[in-house]
């Protein structure tokens, strides 16, 4: 269906088993998981000749049986990355099936979900900020402009009140061209007096240390009132926003190809 983060592989490049919803008995196999939950015929569709459950049902299913609420929220975020579902659609489906196994976890995950996260690690970082550090919700991938309307950059996470940019840099960012781009972008943010916090992959495994770094970064931030800021998140009139599923779905095919090309591949 075009969900680039759902390629059937695990984080360690293993293969995930396929969940099969069956009415007739079949013996379990290593690559197959059997689901015997009832299915409403209205929840079925056909893609390339293959019968599948609707995206909204499939995502809620994954969230219900996720390892924990963080994984559940990540499933939602990554499905919304390619606009397969919206947050409203997921809520409507979850609330319509209150008695299903795992629905409380699904609803809890939806309370943490975001329509504009661009990667699982970005979501994991945001959840660390929310759950571990107990800090306010951050803006995800919101473009920042100078006061003349020039685009400074689009950070992974941003706290508008403090002026704190939070970036996740995976291993690929250690390579030459990306490393230089990251350096130049951080310098551009600092030039308009924004504070920056960069998080690497291994940092997410030491939650206590990461929480301390998050709080220290907030303490360093300038906390300028709006009238004193040399930056803004209000886009110029010509800018086409793509922050929500609804905004992205409303784009023309030409604009989708131009503005959402980064969403056609997992990074």
C-alpha atoms as a PDB file:
ATOM      1  CA  UNK A   1       0.000   0.000   0.000  1.00  0.00           C
ATOM      2  CA  UNK A   2       3.059   2.273  -0.068  1.00  0.00           C
ATOM      3  CA  UNK A   3       4.054   2.266   3.595  1.00  0.00           C
ATOM      4  CA  UNK A   4       7.835   2.444   3.274  1.00  0.00           C
ATOM      5  CA  UNK A   5       8.449   1.672   6.946  1.00  0.00           C
ATOM      6  CA  UNK A   6       6.475  -1.592   6.666  1.00  0.00           C
ATOM      7  CA  UNK A   7       8.755  -3.690   4.452  1.00  0.00           C
ATOM      8  CA  UNK A   8       8.419  -6.938   6.402  1.00  0.00           C
ATOM      9  CA  UNK A   9      11.863  -6.750   7.995  1.00  0.00           C
ATOM     10  CA  UNK A  10      12.962  -6.342  11.589  1.00  0.00           C
ATOM     11  CA  UNK A  11      15.443  -3.773  12.877  1.00  0.00           C
ATOM     12  CA  UNK A  12      18.169  -6.422  12.566  1.00  0.00           C
ATOM     13  CA  UNK A  13      17.258  -7.289   8.959  1.00  0.00           C
ATOM     14  CA  UNK A  14      15.373 -10.439   9.882  1.00  0.00           C
ATOM     15  CA  UNK A  15      11.971 -11.224   8.407  1.00  0.00           C
ATOM     16  CA  UNK A  16       8.750 -10.578  10.252  1.00  0.00           C
ATOM     17  CA  UNK A  17       6.056 -13.272  10.100  1.00  0.00           C
ATOM     18  CA  UNK A  18       2.901 -12.499   8.160  1.00  0.00           C
ATOM     19  CA  UNK A  19      -0.317 -12.214  10.161  1.00  0.00           C
ATOM     20  CA  UNK A  20      -2.965 -14.325   8.411  1.00  0.00           C
ATOM     21  CA  UNK A  21      -6.632 -13.990   9.264  1.00  0.00           C
ATOM     22  CA  UNK A  22      -8.191 -17.376   8.498  1.00  0.00           C
ATOM     23  CA  UNK A  23     -11.525 -19.047   8.828  1.00  0.00           C
ATOM     24  CA  UNK A  24     -10.158 -22.539   8.100  1.00  0.00           C
ATOM     25  CA  UNK A  25      -7.533 -24.269  10.206  1.00  0.00           C
ATOM     26  CA  UNK A  26      -3.925 -24.141   9.032  1.00  0.00           C
ATOM     27  CA  UNK A  27      -0.915 -25.462  10.871  1.00  0.00           C
ATOM     28  CA  UNK A  28       1.401 -22.741  12.242  1.00  0.00           C
ATOM     29  CA  UNK A  29       4.555 -22.173  10.209  1.00  0.00           C
ATOM     30  CA  UNK A  30       7.733 -20.171  10.964  1.00  0.00           C
ATOM     31  CA  UNK A  31       6.797 -17.367   8.562  1.00  0.00           C
ATOM     32  CA  UNK A  32       3.100 -17.250   9.443  1.00  0.00           C
ATOM     33  CA  UNK A  33       1.149 -16.049  12.491  1.00  0.00           C
ATOM     34  CA  UNK A  34      -2.462 -17.131  12.678  1.00  0.00           C
ATOM     35  CA  UNK A  35      -5.123 -14.631  13.703  1.00  0.00           C
ATOM     36  CA  UNK A  36      -8.563 -16.019  14.525  1.00  0.00           C
ATOM     37  CA  UNK A  37     -10.214 -12.714  15.393  1.00  0.00           C
ATOM     38  CA  UNK A  38     -13.506 -12.014  13.690  1.00  0.00           C
ATOM     39  CA  UNK A  39     -13.329  -9.781  10.634  1.00  0.00           C
ATOM     40  CA  UNK A  40     -16.053  -7.526   9.356  1.00  0.00           C
ATOM     41  CA  UNK A  41     -16.243  -7.947   5.543  1.00  0.00           C
ATOM     42  CA  UNK A  42     -16.217  -4.135   5.339  1.00  0.00           C
ATOM     43  CA  UNK A  43     -12.665  -4.231   6.734  1.00  0.00           C
ATOM     44  CA  UNK A  44     -11.333  -6.075   3.675  1.00  0.00           C
ATOM     45  CA  UNK A  45      -9.833  -4.706   0.484  1.00  0.00           C
ATOM     46  CA  UNK A  46      -7.836  -6.076  -2.440  1.00  0.00           C
ATOM     47  CA  UNK A  47      -4.406  -4.691  -3.370  1.00  0.00           C
ATOM     48  CA  UNK A  48      -2.652  -6.119  -6.443  1.00  0.00           C
ATOM     49  CA  UNK A  49      -4.921  -9.143  -6.271  1.00  0.00           C
ATOM     50  CA  UNK A  50      -4.137  -9.837  -2.609  1.00  0.00           C
ATOM     51  CA  UNK A  51      -6.928  -9.592  -0.004  1.00  0.00           C
ATOM     52  CA  UNK A  52      -5.838  -7.390   2.909  1.00  0.00           C
ATOM     53  CA  UNK A  53      -7.442  -5.748   5.881  1.00  0.00           C
ATOM     54  CA  UNK A  54      -7.931  -1.988   5.629  1.00  0.00           C
ATOM     55  CA  UNK A  55      -4.968   0.115   6.710  1.00  0.00           C
ATOM     56  CA  UNK A  56      -6.842   1.499   9.719  1.00  0.00           C
ATOM     57  CA  UNK A  57      -7.654  -1.993  10.978  1.00  0.00           C
ATOM     58  CA  UNK A  58      -4.149  -3.262  10.299  1.00  0.00           C
ATOM     59  CA  UNK A  59      -2.511  -0.380  12.163  1.00  0.00           C
ATOM     60  CA  UNK A  60      -4.836  -0.754  15.143  1.00  0.00           C
ATOM     61  CA  UNK A  61      -4.083  -4.501  15.126  1.00  0.00           C
ATOM     62  CA  UNK A  62      -0.341  -3.820  15.296  1.00  0.00           C
ATOM     63  CA  UNK A  63      -0.838  -1.277  18.050  1.00  0.00           C
ATOM     64  CA  UNK A  64      -3.012  -3.632  20.088  1.00  0.00           C
ATOM     65  CA  UNK A  65      -0.422  -6.401  20.017  1.00  0.00           C
ATOM     66  CA  UNK A  66       2.696  -4.202  20.192  1.00  0.00           C
ATOM     67  CA  UNK A  67       5.391  -4.947  22.767  1.00  0.00           C
ATOM     68  CA  UNK A  68       4.597  -1.725  24.629  1.00  0.00           C
ATOM     69  CA  UNK A  69       2.936   1.647  24.175  1.00  0.00           C
ATOM     70  CA  UNK A  70       6.052   3.191  22.598  1.00  0.00           C
ATOM     71  CA  UNK A  71       6.051   0.564  19.879  1.00  0.00           C
ATOM     72  CA  UNK A  72       2.318   1.082  19.432  1.00  0.00           C
ATOM     73  CA  UNK A  73       2.777   4.831  18.909  1.00  0.00           C
ATOM     74  CA  UNK A  74       5.596   4.151  16.451  1.00  0.00           C
ATOM     75  CA  UNK A  75       3.347   1.933  14.323  1.00  0.00           C
ATOM     76  CA  UNK A  76       0.799   4.750  14.121  1.00  0.00           C
ATOM     77  CA  UNK A  77       3.405   7.394  13.289  1.00  0.00           C
ATOM     78  CA  UNK A  78       4.981   5.371  10.507  1.00  0.00           C
ATOM     79  CA  UNK A  79       1.632   4.554   8.905  1.00  0.00           C
ATOM     80  CA  UNK A  80       0.765   8.255   8.960  1.00  0.00           C
ATOM     81  CA  UNK A  81       4.168   9.059   7.412  1.00  0.00           C
ATOM     82  CA  UNK A  82       2.764   7.787   4.103  1.00  0.00           C
ATOM     83  CA  UNK A  83      -0.786   8.987   4.805  1.00  0.00           C
ATOM     84  CA  UNK A  84      -2.205   5.454   4.914  1.00  0.00           C
ATOM     85  CA  UNK A  85      -4.294   6.569   7.904  1.00  0.00           C
ATOM     86  CA  UNK A  86      -4.926   9.723   9.864  1.00  0.00           C
ATOM     87  CA  UNK A  87      -5.016  10.160  13.611  1.00  0.00           C
ATOM     88  CA  UNK A  88      -8.754  10.868  13.476  1.00  0.00           C
ATOM     89  CA  UNK A  89      -9.384   7.672  11.487  1.00  0.00           C
ATOM     90  CA  UNK A  90      -7.398   5.599  13.988  1.00  0.00           C
ATOM     91  CA  UNK A  91      -9.273   7.118  16.926  1.00  0.00           C
ATOM     92  CA  UNK A  92     -12.627   6.495  15.264  1.00  0.00           C
ATOM     93  CA  UNK A  93     -11.782   2.839  14.662  1.00  0.00           C
ATOM     94  CA  UNK A  94     -10.328   2.270  18.137  1.00  0.00           C
ATOM     95  CA  UNK A  95     -13.341   3.846  19.849  1.00  0.00           C
ATOM     96  CA  UNK A  96     -15.722   1.761  17.725  1.00  0.00           C
ATOM     97  CA  UNK A  97     -14.167  -1.502  19.033  1.00  0.00           C
ATOM     98  CA  UNK A  98     -13.890  -0.995  22.809  1.00  0.00           C
ATOM     99  CA  UNK A  99     -13.959  -4.680  23.737  1.00  0.00           C
ATOM    100  CA  UNK A 100     -11.126  -5.923  21.547  1.00  0.00           C
ATOM    101  CA  UNK A 101      -7.943  -7.345  23.022  1.00  0.00           C
ATOM    102  CA  UNK A 102      -5.284  -4.635  23.399  1.00  0.00           C
ATOM    103  CA  UNK A 103      -7.557  -1.666  22.692  1.00  0.00           C
ATOM    104  CA  UNK A 104      -6.471   0.175  25.894  1.00  0.00           C
ATOM    105  CA  UNK A 105      -2.853   0.069  24.688  1.00  0.00           C
ATOM    106  CA  UNK A 106      -3.958   1.168  21.220  1.00  0.00           C
ATOM    107  CA  UNK A 107      -5.753   4.200  22.672  1.00  0.00           C
ATOM    108  CA  UNK A 108      -2.779   5.037  24.898  1.00  0.00           C
ATOM    109  CA  UNK A 109      -0.503   4.846  21.859  1.00  0.00           C
ATOM    110  CA  UNK A 110      -2.777   7.186  19.914  1.00  0.00           C
ATOM    111  CA  UNK A 111      -2.466   9.755  22.678  1.00  0.00           C
ATOM    112  CA  UNK A 112       1.297   9.769  21.978  1.00  0.00           C
ATOM    113  CA  UNK A 113       1.093   9.567  18.177  1.00  0.00           C
ATOM    114  CA  UNK A 114       2.062  12.353  15.778  1.00  0.00           C
ATOM    115  CA  UNK A 115       1.121  12.796  12.116  1.00  0.00           C
ATOM    116  CA  UNK A 116       4.459  14.296  11.056  1.00  0.00           C
ATOM    117  CA  UNK A 117       7.214  12.066  12.450  1.00  0.00           C
ATOM    118  CA  UNK A 118       9.611  11.003   9.721  1.00  0.00           C
ATOM    119  CA  UNK A 119      11.288   7.909  11.207  1.00  0.00           C
ATOM    120  CA  UNK A 120      10.920   5.351  14.015  1.00  0.00           C
ATOM    121  CA  UNK A 121      13.967   6.756  15.793  1.00  0.00           C
ATOM    122  CA  UNK A 122      12.513  10.243  15.648  1.00  0.00           C
ATOM    123  CA  UNK A 123       9.366   8.921  17.297  1.00  0.00           C
ATOM    124  CA  UNK A 124      11.404   7.041  19.882  1.00  0.00           C
ATOM    125  CA  UNK A 125      13.309  10.241  20.709  1.00  0.00           C
ATOM    126  CA  UNK A 126      10.094  12.241  21.041  1.00  0.00           C
ATOM    127  CA  UNK A 127       8.604   9.574  23.322  1.00  0.00           C
ATOM    128  CA  UNK A 128      11.725   9.717  25.486  1.00  0.00           C
ATOM    129  CA  UNK A 129      11.188  13.459  25.794  1.00  0.00           C
ATOM    130  CA  UNK A 130       7.504  13.001  26.663  1.00  0.00           C
ATOM    131  CA  UNK A 131       7.585   9.863  28.840  1.00  0.00           C
ATOM    132  CA  UNK A 132      11.049   9.766  30.416  1.00  0.00           C
ATOM    133  CA  UNK A 133      11.764  13.481  30.767  1.00  0.00           C
ATOM    134  CA  UNK A 134       8.079  14.361  31.253  1.00  0.00           C
ATOM    135  CA  UNK A 135       8.482  17.458  29.113  1.00  0.00           C
ATOM    136  CA  UNK A 136       5.837  19.172  26.930  1.00  0.00           C
ATOM    137  CA  UNK A 137       4.923  18.013  23.430  1.00  0.00           C
ATOM    138  CA  UNK A 138       7.397  19.052  20.732  1.00  0.00           C
ATOM    139  CA  UNK A 139       6.676  20.175  17.180  1.00  0.00           C
ATOM    140  CA  UNK A 140       7.780  17.570  14.640  1.00  0.00           C
ATOM    141  CA  UNK A 141       9.504  18.551  11.401  1.00  0.00           C
ATOM    142  CA  UNK A 142       8.127  22.083  11.444  1.00  0.00           C
ATOM    143  CA  UNK A 143       9.954  24.461   9.077  1.00  0.00           C
ATOM    144  CA  UNK A 144      11.653  27.467  10.675  1.00  0.00           C
ATOM    145  CA  UNK A 145      12.085  30.763   8.817  1.00  0.00           C
ATOM    146  CA  UNK A 146      13.929  34.004   9.395  1.00  0.00           C
ATOM    147  CA  UNK A 147      11.907  37.206   9.624  1.00  0.00           C
ATOM    148  CA  UNK A 148      12.364  37.819   5.887  1.00  0.00           C
ATOM    149  CA  UNK A 149      10.610  34.515   5.098  1.00  0.00           C
ATOM    150  CA  UNK A 150      13.736  32.555   4.167  1.00  0.00           C
ATOM    151  CA  UNK A 151      13.706  28.894   5.177  1.00  0.00           C
ATOM    152  CA  UNK A 152      16.420  28.247   7.780  1.00  0.00           C
ATOM    153  CA  UNK A 153      15.788  24.529   8.249  1.00  0.00           C
ATOM    154  CA  UNK A 154      13.332  21.844   9.329  1.00  0.00           C
ATOM    155  CA  UNK A 155      14.511  20.206  12.565  1.00  0.00           C
ATOM    156  CA  UNK A 156      13.342  16.761  13.653  1.00  0.00           C
ATOM    157  CA  UNK A 157      11.844  18.186  16.856  1.00  0.00           C
ATOM    158  CA  UNK A 158      11.385  21.746  18.037  1.00  0.00           C
ATOM    159  CA  UNK A 159      10.257  23.429  21.253  1.00  0.00           C
ATOM    160  CA  UNK A 160       8.927  26.788  20.202  1.00  0.00           C
ATOM    161  CA  UNK A 161       8.699  28.340  23.676  1.00  0.00           C
ATOM    162  CA  UNK A 162      12.361  27.777  24.573  1.00  0.00           C
ATOM    163  CA  UNK A 163      13.782  27.919  21.057  1.00  0.00           C
ATOM    164  CA  UNK A 164      15.332  24.443  21.316  1.00  0.00           C
ATOM    165  CA  UNK A 165      16.084  22.353  18.217  1.00  0.00           C
ATOM    166  CA  UNK A 166      16.380  18.590  18.842  1.00  0.00           C
ATOM    167  CA  UNK A 167      17.932  16.462  16.105  1.00  0.00           C
ATOM    168  CA  UNK A 168      18.377  12.702  15.788  1.00  0.00           C
ATOM    169  CA  UNK A 169      21.461  11.727  13.772  1.00  0.00           C
ATOM    170  CA  UNK A 170      21.788   8.049  12.925  1.00  0.00           C
ATOM    171  CA  UNK A 171      24.880   6.304  11.620  1.00  0.00           C
ATOM    172  CA  UNK A 172      24.281   7.552   8.080  1.00  0.00           C
ATOM    173  CA  UNK A 173      24.813  11.118   9.336  1.00  0.00           C
ATOM    174  CA  UNK A 174      28.429  10.291  10.160  1.00  0.00           C
ATOM    175  CA  UNK A 175      29.241  10.214   6.445  1.00  0.00           C
ATOM    176  CA  UNK A 176      30.969  13.184   4.838  1.00  0.00           C
ATOM    177  CA  UNK A 177      28.239  15.001   2.884  1.00  0.00           C
ATOM    178  CA  UNK A 178      25.518  14.527   5.488  1.00  0.00           C
ATOM    179  CA  UNK A 179      27.873  15.431   8.313  1.00  0.00           C
ATOM    180  CA  UNK A 180      28.745  18.709   6.596  1.00  0.00           C
ATOM    181  CA  UNK A 181      25.058  19.410   5.923  1.00  0.00           C
ATOM    182  CA  UNK A 182      24.197  18.793   9.579  1.00  0.00           C
ATOM    183  CA  UNK A 183      27.021  21.104  10.667  1.00  0.00           C
ATOM    184  CA  UNK A 184      25.897  23.874   8.328  1.00  0.00           C
ATOM    185  CA  UNK A 185      22.273  23.541   9.437  1.00  0.00           C
ATOM    186  CA  UNK A 186      23.182  23.694  13.127  1.00  0.00           C
ATOM    187  CA  UNK A 187      25.221  26.826  12.471  1.00  0.00           C
ATOM    188  CA  UNK A 188      22.213  28.355  10.671  1.00  0.00           C
ATOM    189  CA  UNK A 189      19.987  27.624  13.674  1.00  0.00           C
ATOM    190  CA  UNK A 190      22.513  29.068  16.098  1.00  0.00           C
ATOM    191  CA  UNK A 191      22.845  32.181  13.938  1.00  0.00           C
ATOM    192  CA  UNK A 192      19.241  33.073  14.853  1.00  0.00           C
ATOM    193  CA  UNK A 193      19.931  32.200  18.526  1.00  0.00           C
ATOM    194  CA  UNK A 194      18.277  28.793  18.621  1.00  0.00           C
ATOM    195  CA  UNK A 195      19.807  26.201  20.972  1.00  0.00           C
ATOM    196  CA  UNK A 196      20.571  22.751  19.510  1.00  0.00           C
ATOM    197  CA  UNK A 197      20.597  19.255  21.008  1.00  0.00           C
ATOM    198  CA  UNK A 198      21.905  16.387  18.867  1.00  0.00           C
ATOM    199  CA  UNK A 199      21.067  12.809  19.839  1.00  0.00           C
ATOM    200  CA  UNK A 200      22.835   9.740  18.430  1.00  0.00           C
ATOM    201  CA  UNK A 201      21.534   6.183  18.226  1.00  0.00           C
ATOM    202  CA  UNK A 202      23.287   4.883  21.351  1.00  0.00           C
ATOM    203  CA  UNK A 203      22.023   7.828  23.408  1.00  0.00           C
ATOM    204  CA  UNK A 204      18.490   6.434  23.347  1.00  0.00           C
ATOM    205  CA  UNK A 205      19.570   3.355  25.299  1.00  0.00           C
ATOM    206  CA  UNK A 206      20.737   5.403  28.307  1.00  0.00           C
ATOM    207  CA  UNK A 207      17.499   7.104  29.250  1.00  0.00           C
ATOM    208  CA  UNK A 208      18.729   8.712  32.453  1.00  0.00           C
ATOM    209  CA  UNK A 209      21.685  10.366  30.740  1.00  0.00           C
ATOM    210  CA  UNK A 210      19.517  11.489  27.827  1.00  0.00           C
ATOM    211  CA  UNK A 211      16.940  13.061  30.157  1.00  0.00           C
ATOM    212  CA  UNK A 212      19.756  14.990  31.861  1.00  0.00           C
ATOM    213  CA  UNK A 213      20.976  16.247  28.466  1.00  0.00           C
ATOM    214  CA  UNK A 214      17.448  17.272  27.479  1.00  0.00           C
ATOM    215  CA  UNK A 215      16.980  19.310  30.646  1.00  0.00           C
ATOM    216  CA  UNK A 216      20.436  20.873  30.295  1.00  0.00           C
ATOM    217  CA  UNK A 217      19.674  21.897  26.712  1.00  0.00           C
ATOM    218  CA  UNK A 218      16.406  23.529  27.797  1.00  0.00           C
ATOM    219  CA  UNK A 219      18.297  25.391  30.512  1.00  0.00           C
ATOM    220  CA  UNK A 220      20.759  26.732  27.894  1.00  0.00           C
ATOM    221  CA  UNK A 221      17.988  27.851  25.532  1.00  0.00           C
ATOM    222  CA  UNK A 222      17.193  31.557  25.283  1.00  0.00           C
ATOM    223  CA  UNK A 223      13.406  31.479  25.921  1.00  0.00           C
ATOM    224  CA  UNK A 224      12.931  34.726  23.998  1.00  0.00           C
ATOM    225  CA  UNK A 225       9.391  36.157  23.975  1.00  0.00           C
ATOM    226  CA  UNK A 226       7.855  36.282  20.472  1.00  0.00           C
ATOM    227  CA  UNK A 227       8.624  39.983  19.956  1.00  0.00           C
ATOM    228  CA  UNK A 228      12.356  39.376  20.480  1.00  0.00           C
ATOM    229  CA  UNK A 229      12.802  36.326  18.268  1.00  0.00           C
ATOM    230  CA  UNK A 230      14.744  36.488  15.007  1.00  0.00           C
ATOM    231  CA  UNK A 231      12.955  33.406  13.696  1.00  0.00           C
ATOM    232  CA  UNK A 232       9.378  32.259  13.168  1.00  0.00           C
ATOM    233  CA  UNK A 233       7.427  29.103  12.364  1.00  0.00           C
ATOM    234  CA  UNK A 234       4.785  31.100  10.493  1.00  0.00           C
ATOM    235  CA  UNK A 235       5.441  30.238   6.829  1.00  0.00           C
ATOM    236  CA  UNK A 236       5.426  32.782   4.006  1.00  0.00           C
ATOM    237  CA  UNK A 237       2.242  32.904   1.932  1.00  0.00           C
ATOM    238  CA  UNK A 238       3.748  30.848  -0.912  1.00  0.00           C
ATOM    239  CA  UNK A 239       4.751  27.923   1.353  1.00  0.00           C
ATOM    240  CA  UNK A 240       2.608  24.778   1.083  1.00  0.00           C
ATOM    241  CA  UNK A 241       2.271  23.159   4.526  1.00  0.00           C
ATOM    242  CA  UNK A 242       2.603  19.368   4.815  1.00  0.00           C
ATOM    243  CA  UNK A 243       2.403  18.934   8.592  1.00  0.00           C
ATOM    244  CA  UNK A 244      -0.775  16.838   8.732  1.00  0.00           C
ATOM    245  CA  UNK A 245      -2.230  13.884   6.866  1.00  0.00           C
ATOM    246  CA  UNK A 246      -5.104  16.089   5.692  1.00  0.00           C
ATOM    247  CA  UNK A 247      -2.724  18.709   4.288  1.00  0.00           C
ATOM    248  CA  UNK A 248      -0.697  16.075   2.447  1.00  0.00           C
ATOM    249  CA  UNK A 249      -3.745  14.295   1.054  1.00  0.00           C
ATOM    250  CA  UNK A 250      -5.033  17.601  -0.351  1.00  0.00           C
ATOM    251  CA  UNK A 251      -1.912  18.186  -2.450  1.00  0.00           C
ATOM    252  CA  UNK A 252      -2.037  17.838  -6.213  1.00  0.00           C
ATOM    253  CA  UNK A 253      -0.125  14.971  -7.774  1.00  0.00           C
ATOM    254  CA  UNK A 254       2.547  17.408  -8.949  1.00  0.00           C
ATOM    255  CA  UNK A 255       2.967  18.878  -5.472  1.00  0.00           C
ATOM    256  CA  UNK A 256       2.983  15.422  -3.870  1.00  0.00           C
ATOM    257  CA  UNK A 257       5.814  14.333  -6.159  1.00  0.00           C
ATOM    258  CA  UNK A 258       7.730  17.535  -5.425  1.00  0.00           C
ATOM    259  CA  UNK A 259       7.134  17.989  -1.708  1.00  0.00           C
ATOM    260  CA  UNK A 260       6.797  14.419  -0.459  1.00  0.00           C
ATOM    261  CA  UNK A 261       9.536  12.664  -2.422  1.00  0.00           C
ATOM    262  CA  UNK A 262      11.466  12.006   0.803  1.00  0.00           C
ATOM    263  CA  UNK A 263       8.471   9.951   1.980  1.00  0.00           C
ATOM    264  CA  UNK A 264       8.931   7.393  -0.799  1.00  0.00           C
ATOM    265  CA  UNK A 265      11.888   5.817   0.973  1.00  0.00           C
ATOM    266  CA  UNK A 266      12.807   4.862   4.502  1.00  0.00           C
ATOM    267  CA  UNK A 267      15.881   6.663   5.841  1.00  0.00           C
END
